[in-house]
C-alpha atoms as a PDB file:
ATOM      1  CA  MET A   1      -8.064 -33.967  13.935  1.00  0.00           C
ATOM      2  CA  ASN A   2      -6.082 -36.694  12.185  1.00  0.00           C
ATOM      3  CA  ILE A   3      -8.616 -36.704   9.359  1.00  0.00           C
ATOM      4  CA  LEU A   4      -8.044 -32.984   8.800  1.00  0.00           C
ATOM      5  CA  ILE A   5      -4.271 -33.435   8.792  1.00  0.00           C
ATOM      6  CA  LYS A   6      -4.475 -36.364   6.338  1.00  0.00           C
ATOM      7  CA  ASN A   7      -6.778 -34.413   4.008  1.00  0.00           C
ATOM      8  CA  ARG A   8      -4.934 -31.096   4.370  1.00  0.00           C
ATOM      9  CA  ARG A   9      -4.627 -30.484   0.629  1.00  0.00           C
ATOM     10  CA  LEU A  10      -8.304 -31.234   0.034  1.00  0.00           C
ATOM     11  CA  VAL A  11      -9.329 -28.839   2.819  1.00  0.00           C
ATOM     12  CA  THR A  12      -7.066 -26.154   1.341  1.00  0.00           C
ATOM     13  CA  ILE A  13      -8.555 -26.602  -2.139  1.00  0.00           C
ATOM     14  CA  ILE A  14     -12.097 -26.422  -0.734  1.00  0.00           C
ATOM     15  CA  LEU A  15     -11.238 -23.225   1.152  1.00  0.00           C
ATOM     16  CA  ILE A  16      -9.701 -21.627  -1.949  1.00  0.00           C
ATOM     17  CA  ILE A  17     -12.686 -22.539  -4.120  1.00  0.00           C
ATOM     18  CA  SER A  18     -15.107 -21.167  -1.523  1.00  0.00           C
ATOM     19  CA  VAL A  19     -13.163 -17.880  -1.232  1.00  0.00           C
ATOM     20  CA  ILE A  20     -13.155 -17.550  -5.040  1.00  0.00           C
ATOM     21  CA  GLY A  21     -16.904 -18.261  -5.160  1.00  0.00           C
ATOM     22  CA  ILE A  22     -17.629 -15.717  -2.440  1.00  0.00           C
ATOM     23  CA  GLY A  23     -15.388 -13.286  -4.318  1.00  0.00           C
ATOM     24  CA  PHE A  24     -17.409 -13.688  -7.504  1.00  0.00           C
ATOM     25  CA  GLY A  25     -20.589 -13.137  -5.522  1.00  0.00           C
ATOM     26  CA  LEU A  26     -19.254 -10.013  -3.828  1.00  0.00           C
ATOM     27  CA  ASN A  27     -17.893  -8.696  -7.111  1.00  0.00           C
ATOM     28  CA  ALA A  28     -21.368  -8.982  -8.633  1.00  0.00           C
ATOM     29  CA  ILE A  29     -22.835  -6.923  -5.782  1.00  0.00           C
ATOM     30  CA  MET A  30     -20.143  -4.245  -5.348  1.00  0.00           C
ATOM     31  CA  THR A  31     -17.000  -2.951  -7.050  1.00  0.00           C
ATOM     32  CA  PHE A  32     -13.802  -4.948  -7.093  1.00  0.00           C
ATOM     33  CA  ASN A  33     -11.919  -2.672  -4.684  1.00  0.00           C
ATOM     34  CA  LYS A  34     -14.749  -2.776  -2.137  1.00  0.00           C
ATOM     35  CA  SER A  35     -15.004  -6.546  -2.375  1.00  0.00           C
ATOM     36  CA  LEU A  36     -11.262  -6.779  -1.620  1.00  0.00           C
ATOM     37  CA  TYR A  37     -11.956  -5.395   1.852  1.00  0.00           C
ATOM     38  CA  PHE A  38     -13.987  -8.529   2.546  1.00  0.00           C
ATOM     39  CA  LEU A  39     -11.876 -11.015   0.615  1.00  0.00           C
ATOM     40  CA  ILE A  40      -8.444 -10.186   2.041  1.00  0.00           C
ATOM     41  CA  PRO A  41      -9.381 -10.954   5.703  1.00  0.00           C
ATOM     42  CA  MET A  42     -11.265 -14.060   4.585  1.00  0.00           C
ATOM     43  CA  PHE A  43      -8.270 -15.260   2.615  1.00  0.00           C
ATOM     44  CA  PHE A  44      -6.016 -14.462   5.587  1.00  0.00           C
ATOM     45  CA  VAL A  45      -8.068 -16.686   7.902  1.00  0.00           C
ATOM     46  CA  CYS A  46      -8.192 -19.517   5.338  1.00  0.00           C
ATOM     47  CA  ALA A  47      -4.440 -19.285   4.704  1.00  0.00           C
ATOM     48  CA  LEU A  48      -3.650 -19.374   8.418  1.00  0.00           C
ATOM     49  CA  PHE A  49      -5.931 -22.367   8.934  1.00  0.00           C
ATOM     50  CA  SER A  50      -4.260 -24.347   6.151  1.00  0.00           C
ATOM     51  CA  GLU A  51      -0.799 -23.319   7.416  1.00  0.00           C
ATOM     52  CA  TRP A  52      -1.788 -24.439  10.905  1.00  0.00           C
ATOM     53  CA  LEU A  53      -2.744 -27.857   9.534  1.00  0.00           C
ATOM     54  CA  ARG A  54       0.567 -27.994   7.681  1.00  0.00           C
ATOM     55  CA  GLY A  55       2.431 -26.973  10.833  1.00  0.00           C
ATOM     56  CA  LEU A  56       0.800 -29.738  12.865  1.00  0.00           C
ATOM     57  CA  GLU A  57       2.090 -32.218  10.333  1.00  0.00           C
ATOM     58  CA  LYS A  58       5.587 -30.927   9.559  1.00  0.00           C
ATOM     59  CA  ALA A  59       6.804 -28.270  12.027  1.00  0.00           C
ATOM     60  CA  LYS A  60       9.399 -28.734  14.768  1.00  0.00           C
ATOM     61  CA  ASN A  61       7.779 -26.108  16.994  1.00  0.00           C
ATOM     62  CA  ILE A  62       4.240 -25.075  16.018  1.00  0.00           C
ATOM     63  CA  LYS A  63       4.402 -21.751  17.897  1.00  0.00           C
ATOM     64  CA  TYR A  64       7.455 -20.389  16.081  1.00  0.00           C
ATOM     65  CA  PHE A  65       6.281 -21.858  12.786  1.00  0.00           C
ATOM     66  CA  MET A  66       2.932 -20.073  13.043  1.00  0.00           C
ATOM     67  CA  ILE A  67       4.497 -16.750  14.042  1.00  0.00           C
ATOM     68  CA  PHE A  68       6.762 -16.975  11.003  1.00  0.00           C
ATOM     69  CA  ARG A  69       3.879 -17.941   8.698  1.00  0.00           C
ATOM     70  CA  MET A  70       1.637 -15.169  10.060  1.00  0.00           C
ATOM     71  CA  ILE A  71       4.283 -12.553   9.309  1.00  0.00           C
ATOM     72  CA  LEU A  72       4.771 -14.010   5.847  1.00  0.00           C
ATOM     73  CA  VAL A  73       1.048 -14.214   5.031  1.00  0.00           C
ATOM     74  CA  VAL A  74       0.438 -10.642   6.198  1.00  0.00           C
ATOM     75  CA  THR A  75       3.355  -9.405   4.076  1.00  0.00           C
ATOM     76  CA  ILE A  76       2.259 -11.255   0.944  1.00  0.00           C
ATOM     77  CA  LEU A  77      -1.390 -10.239   1.366  1.00  0.00           C
ATOM     78  CA  THR A  78      -0.388  -6.601   1.824  1.00  0.00           C
ATOM     79  CA  ILE A  79       1.650  -6.680  -1.381  1.00  0.00           C
ATOM     80  CA  THR A  80      -1.220  -8.424  -3.180  1.00  0.00           C
ATOM     81  CA  PHE A  81      -3.727  -5.849  -1.925  1.00  0.00           C
ATOM     82  CA  ILE A  82      -1.485  -3.018  -3.130  1.00  0.00           C
ATOM     83  CA  TYR A  83      -1.124  -4.743  -6.507  1.00  0.00           C
ATOM     84  CA  PHE A  84      -4.887  -5.141  -6.977  1.00  0.00           C
ATOM     85  CA  SER A  85      -5.475  -1.579  -5.835  1.00  0.00           C
ATOM     86  CA  LEU A  86      -3.047  -0.296  -8.475  1.00  0.00           C
ATOM     87  CA  ILE A  87      -4.712  -2.160 -11.359  1.00  0.00           C
ATOM     88  CA  GLU A  88      -7.179   0.634 -12.052  1.00  0.00           C
ATOM     89  CA  SER A  89      -4.683   3.453 -11.589  1.00  0.00           C
ATOM     90  CA  SER A  90      -1.985   4.670 -13.927  1.00  0.00           C
ATOM     91  CA  LEU A  91       0.720   3.021 -11.772  1.00  0.00           C
ATOM     92  CA  TYR A  92      -0.037  -0.414 -13.206  1.00  0.00           C
ATOM     93  CA  ASN A  93       3.584  -0.823 -14.372  1.00  0.00           C
ATOM     94  CA  PHE A  94       4.585  -0.780 -10.716  1.00  0.00           C
ATOM     95  CA  GLY A  95       2.613  -4.012 -10.287  1.00  0.00           C
ATOM     96  CA  PHE A  96       5.346  -5.978 -12.037  1.00  0.00           C
ATOM     97  CA  VAL A  97       7.834  -4.800  -9.408  1.00  0.00           C
ATOM     98  CA  LEU A  98       5.424  -5.830  -6.638  1.00  0.00           C
ATOM     99  CA  MET A  99       5.101  -9.344  -8.086  1.00  0.00           C
ATOM    100  CA  ILE A 100       8.907  -9.696  -8.270  1.00  0.00           C
ATOM    101  CA  ILE A 101       9.188  -8.540  -4.645  1.00  0.00           C
ATOM    102  CA  SER A 102       6.473 -10.992  -3.613  1.00  0.00           C
ATOM    103  CA  THR A 103       8.229 -13.859  -5.406  1.00  0.00           C
ATOM    104  CA  ALA A 104      11.582 -12.985  -3.821  1.00  0.00           C
ATOM    105  CA  ILE A 105      10.018 -12.866  -0.349  1.00  0.00           C
ATOM    106  CA  SER A 106       8.380 -16.249  -0.924  1.00  0.00           C
ATOM    107  CA  LEU A 107      11.639 -17.851  -2.090  1.00  0.00           C
ATOM    108  CA  VAL A 108      13.607 -16.523   0.889  1.00  0.00           C
ATOM    109  CA  ALA A 109      10.824 -17.562   3.271  1.00  0.00           C
ATOM    110  CA  ASP A 110      10.773 -21.065   1.788  1.00  0.00           C
ATOM    111  CA  PHE A 111      14.523 -21.399   2.363  1.00  0.00           C
ATOM    112  CA  ILE A 112      14.260 -20.132   5.963  1.00  0.00           C
ATOM    113  CA  GLU A 113      11.281 -22.378   6.656  1.00  0.00           C
ATOM    114  CA  ASN A 114      12.990 -25.509   5.360  1.00  0.00           C
ATOM    115  CA  LYS A 115      16.183 -24.746   7.255  1.00  0.00           C
ATOM    116  CA  TYR A 116      14.786 -23.778  10.667  1.00  0.00           C
ATOM    117  CA  PHE A 117      11.130 -24.746  11.082  1.00  0.00           C
ATOM    118  CA  ILE A 118      10.477 -28.038   9.268  1.00  0.00           C
ATOM    119  CA  LYS A 119      11.328 -31.409  10.800  1.00  0.00           C
ATOM    120  CA  LYS A 120      14.154 -33.226   9.092  1.00  0.00           C
ATOM    121  CA  GLU A 121      12.908 -36.485   7.651  1.00  0.00           C
ATOM    122  CA  THR A 122      15.309 -39.379   8.001  1.00  0.00           C
ATOM    123  CA  PRO A 123      15.266 -41.794   5.080  1.00  0.00           C
ATOM    124  CA  ASP A 124      14.615 -45.426   5.893  1.00  0.00           C
ATOM    125  CA  THR A 125      17.713 -47.496   5.143  1.00  0.00           C
ATOM    126  CA  GLU A 126      16.028 -50.844   5.661  1.00  0.00           C
ATOM    127  CA  SER A 127      15.448 -52.937   2.546  1.00  0.00           C
END
């Protein structure tokens, strides 16, 4: 378990690359919108796994941290799914608004996470 926590970023990068590779494979077989039905749950599981590893390392209380992150990941993935679904329609200009909303949610969530869920690191004063 400690090896996973130490190599958290590497595991996250490997998961992202594998989801992108599977996405290219699915996109070659079926249309983009149909492949999203497989990619969104896969990305959700990978995101929760990497957030769980991050929570083990940095969170005050892993239970509350994971509940907060699950709500955030579901919200962001829903907005992303709506955005990708609107690419082919005539409402593509609405996508810009969705990306601004997604960015605002992420910034507010980052502030809340740092204030309430992440352990405060005390700087070493020894020389």
